[in-house]
N, C-alpha and C. Protein backbone atom coordinates (compact mmCIF):
# COMPACT_ATOMS: atom_id res chain seq x y z
N MET A 1 -21.36 -4.80 -6.32
CA MET A 1 -20.54 -5.98 -6.33
C MET A 1 -20.78 -6.81 -7.59
N GLN A 2 -21.94 -6.65 -8.20
CA GLN A 2 -22.28 -7.43 -9.38
C GLN A 2 -21.29 -7.20 -10.52
N GLN A 3 -20.77 -5.99 -10.67
CA GLN A 3 -19.82 -5.70 -11.74
C GLN A 3 -18.51 -6.47 -11.56
N LEU A 4 -18.13 -6.71 -10.33
CA LEU A 4 -16.89 -7.42 -10.06
C LEU A 4 -17.06 -8.93 -10.13
N GLY A 5 -18.26 -9.39 -9.96
CA GLY A 5 -18.50 -10.83 -9.92
C GLY A 5 -18.21 -11.37 -8.54
N ASP A 6 -18.23 -12.68 -8.43
CA ASP A 6 -18.00 -13.33 -7.14
C ASP A 6 -16.55 -13.20 -6.71
N ALA A 7 -16.34 -13.13 -5.40
CA ALA A 7 -14.99 -13.14 -4.84
C ALA A 7 -14.42 -14.53 -5.01
N MET A 8 -13.12 -14.60 -5.30
CA MET A 8 -12.45 -15.87 -5.51
C MET A 8 -11.20 -15.94 -4.64
N THR A 9 -10.89 -17.13 -4.15
CA THR A 9 -9.65 -17.34 -3.42
C THR A 9 -8.52 -17.58 -4.42
N ILE A 10 -7.32 -17.59 -3.92
CA ILE A 10 -6.17 -17.85 -4.80
C ILE A 10 -6.25 -19.26 -5.39
N LYS A 11 -6.77 -20.22 -4.61
CA LYS A 11 -6.93 -21.58 -5.13
C LYS A 11 -7.96 -21.64 -6.24
N GLN A 12 -9.05 -20.88 -6.10
CA GLN A 12 -10.07 -20.85 -7.14
C GLN A 12 -9.53 -20.22 -8.42
N VAL A 13 -8.74 -19.16 -8.27
CA VAL A 13 -8.14 -18.51 -9.45
C VAL A 13 -7.18 -19.48 -10.13
N ALA A 14 -6.38 -20.18 -9.35
CA ALA A 14 -5.43 -21.14 -9.91
C ALA A 14 -6.16 -22.21 -10.71
N LYS A 15 -7.23 -22.72 -10.17
CA LYS A 15 -8.01 -23.74 -10.88
C LYS A 15 -8.64 -23.16 -12.14
N PHE A 16 -9.17 -21.96 -12.05
CA PHE A 16 -9.81 -21.29 -13.18
C PHE A 16 -8.81 -21.07 -14.33
N VAL A 17 -7.62 -20.62 -13.97
CA VAL A 17 -6.60 -20.30 -14.98
C VAL A 17 -5.86 -21.57 -15.44
N GLY A 18 -5.82 -22.57 -14.58
CA GLY A 18 -5.15 -23.82 -14.95
C GLY A 18 -3.70 -23.87 -14.52
N CYS A 19 -3.42 -23.37 -13.32
CA CYS A 19 -2.06 -23.39 -12.81
C CYS A 19 -2.11 -23.61 -11.30
N SER A 20 -0.97 -23.49 -10.64
CA SER A 20 -0.92 -23.68 -9.19
C SER A 20 -1.12 -22.35 -8.46
N SER A 21 -1.44 -22.46 -7.18
CA SER A 21 -1.55 -21.26 -6.34
C SER A 21 -0.22 -20.51 -6.30
N TRP A 22 0.88 -21.27 -6.29
CA TRP A 22 2.21 -20.66 -6.29
C TRP A 22 2.40 -19.78 -7.53
N THR A 23 1.98 -20.28 -8.68
CA THR A 23 2.11 -19.52 -9.92
C THR A 23 1.28 -18.25 -9.89
N VAL A 24 0.07 -18.35 -9.35
CA VAL A 24 -0.77 -17.16 -9.24
C VAL A 24 -0.06 -16.11 -8.38
N ARG A 25 0.40 -16.51 -7.20
CA ARG A 25 1.03 -15.57 -6.26
C ARG A 25 2.35 -15.01 -6.78
N ASN A 26 3.18 -15.86 -7.35
CA ASN A 26 4.55 -15.46 -7.69
C ASN A 26 4.77 -15.04 -9.13
N LYS A 27 3.84 -15.37 -10.00
CA LYS A 27 4.00 -15.00 -11.42
C LYS A 27 2.89 -14.08 -11.92
N LEU A 28 1.63 -14.46 -11.65
CA LEU A 28 0.52 -13.71 -12.24
C LEU A 28 0.22 -12.41 -11.50
N VAL A 29 0.27 -12.42 -10.17
CA VAL A 29 0.03 -11.18 -9.42
C VAL A 29 1.09 -10.13 -9.78
N PRO A 30 2.39 -10.49 -9.78
CA PRO A 30 3.38 -9.48 -10.20
C PRO A 30 3.23 -9.04 -11.66
N ALA A 31 2.61 -9.90 -12.48
CA ALA A 31 2.37 -9.55 -13.89
C ALA A 31 1.14 -8.68 -14.07
N GLY A 32 0.44 -8.38 -12.97
CA GLY A 32 -0.67 -7.45 -13.06
C GLY A 32 -2.05 -8.02 -12.82
N LEU A 33 -2.16 -9.28 -12.43
CA LEU A 33 -3.48 -9.86 -12.15
C LEU A 33 -4.16 -9.05 -11.05
N PRO A 34 -5.33 -8.48 -11.32
CA PRO A 34 -6.01 -7.64 -10.33
C PRO A 34 -6.40 -8.44 -9.08
N HIS A 35 -6.14 -7.84 -7.93
CA HIS A 35 -6.47 -8.48 -6.66
C HIS A 35 -6.69 -7.42 -5.60
N PHE A 36 -7.21 -7.84 -4.48
CA PHE A 36 -7.43 -6.96 -3.33
C PHE A 36 -6.81 -7.62 -2.12
N ARG A 37 -6.08 -6.83 -1.34
CA ARG A 37 -5.48 -7.33 -0.10
C ARG A 37 -5.95 -6.40 1.01
N SER A 38 -6.63 -6.95 2.00
CA SER A 38 -7.23 -6.13 3.05
C SER A 38 -6.21 -5.49 3.98
N SER A 39 -5.05 -6.10 4.10
CA SER A 39 -3.96 -5.55 4.92
C SER A 39 -2.65 -6.08 4.36
N PRO A 40 -1.52 -5.49 4.78
CA PRO A 40 -0.24 -5.96 4.22
C PRO A 40 0.00 -7.47 4.37
N SER A 41 -0.50 -8.05 5.44
CA SER A 41 -0.32 -9.50 5.62
C SER A 41 -1.61 -10.28 5.36
N GLY A 42 -2.62 -9.60 4.82
CA GLY A 42 -3.91 -10.24 4.58
C GLY A 42 -3.92 -11.13 3.36
N LYS A 43 -4.93 -11.98 3.29
CA LYS A 43 -5.03 -12.88 2.15
C LYS A 43 -5.44 -12.12 0.89
N LEU A 44 -5.13 -12.68 -0.23
CA LEU A 44 -5.49 -12.09 -1.51
C LEU A 44 -6.91 -12.48 -1.87
N THR A 45 -7.67 -11.52 -2.36
CA THR A 45 -9.01 -11.77 -2.85
C THR A 45 -9.05 -11.30 -4.31
N PHE A 46 -9.64 -12.12 -5.14
CA PHE A 46 -9.77 -11.82 -6.56
C PHE A 46 -11.25 -11.77 -6.90
N PHE A 47 -11.61 -11.02 -7.93
CA PHE A 47 -12.99 -10.94 -8.36
C PHE A 47 -13.11 -11.49 -9.77
N HIS A 48 -14.08 -12.37 -9.96
CA HIS A 48 -14.22 -13.15 -11.18
C HIS A 48 -14.15 -12.32 -12.45
N GLU A 49 -14.92 -11.26 -12.52
CA GLU A 49 -14.97 -10.46 -13.76
C GLU A 49 -13.62 -9.80 -14.06
N GLN A 50 -12.90 -9.40 -13.03
CA GLN A 50 -11.58 -8.81 -13.23
C GLN A 50 -10.59 -9.86 -13.73
N VAL A 51 -10.67 -11.06 -13.18
CA VAL A 51 -9.78 -12.14 -13.62
C VAL A 51 -10.07 -12.47 -15.08
N VAL A 52 -11.34 -12.60 -15.44
CA VAL A 52 -11.71 -12.91 -16.82
C VAL A 52 -11.19 -11.82 -17.76
N ALA A 53 -11.41 -10.56 -17.42
CA ALA A 53 -10.97 -9.45 -18.26
C ALA A 53 -9.45 -9.46 -18.42
N TRP A 54 -8.72 -9.76 -17.34
CA TRP A 54 -7.26 -9.79 -17.39
C TRP A 54 -6.78 -10.92 -18.30
N VAL A 55 -7.39 -12.10 -18.17
CA VAL A 55 -7.01 -13.24 -19.01
C VAL A 55 -7.28 -12.92 -20.47
N LEU A 56 -8.45 -12.36 -20.77
CA LEU A 56 -8.78 -12.02 -22.16
C LEU A 56 -7.81 -11.00 -22.73
N ALA A 57 -7.45 -10.00 -21.93
CA ALA A 57 -6.50 -8.98 -22.39
C ALA A 57 -5.14 -9.60 -22.68
N ARG A 58 -4.71 -10.53 -21.83
CA ARG A 58 -3.43 -11.20 -22.05
C ARG A 58 -3.47 -12.07 -23.31
N GLN A 59 -4.60 -12.72 -23.55
CA GLN A 59 -4.73 -13.53 -24.76
C GLN A 59 -4.66 -12.67 -26.01
N ASN A 60 -5.24 -11.49 -25.95
CA ASN A 60 -5.22 -10.59 -27.10
C ASN A 60 -3.84 -10.01 -27.36
N GLN A 61 -2.98 -10.00 -26.34
CA GLN A 61 -1.62 -9.47 -26.49
C GLN A 61 -0.69 -10.47 -27.17
N THR A 62 -1.05 -11.75 -27.11
CA THR A 62 -0.17 -12.77 -27.67
C THR A 62 -0.84 -13.41 -28.88
N LYS A 63 -0.05 -13.81 -29.81
CA LYS A 63 -0.59 -14.47 -31.00
C LYS A 63 -0.87 -15.94 -30.65
N GLY A 64 -2.03 -16.42 -30.97
CA GLY A 64 -2.40 -17.79 -30.70
C GLY A 64 -3.01 -18.03 -29.35
N GLY A 65 -3.05 -17.02 -28.49
CA GLY A 65 -3.72 -17.14 -27.22
C GLY A 65 -2.91 -17.76 -26.11
N THR A 66 -1.63 -18.07 -26.33
CA THR A 66 -0.82 -18.62 -25.24
C THR A 66 0.35 -17.68 -24.97
N ASN A 67 0.82 -17.73 -23.75
CA ASN A 67 1.90 -16.84 -23.34
C ASN A 67 3.01 -17.69 -22.74
N ARG A 68 3.57 -18.56 -23.58
CA ARG A 68 4.64 -19.46 -23.09
C ARG A 68 5.92 -19.19 -23.82
């Protein structure tokens, strides 16, 4: 579990990234943000190291570090 880092809720990810929970669920997850869902109707779980790696990869894809 150490490689994945701590488990994070959708609210924690939203705060970490600087957006709303709605944006995480409806924009970032469909854009490829790594997550785990225990069942089709289960809550989303994110792992800190995966979120960090995904954010860094997205920053490297855009010039200037923003994707707006």
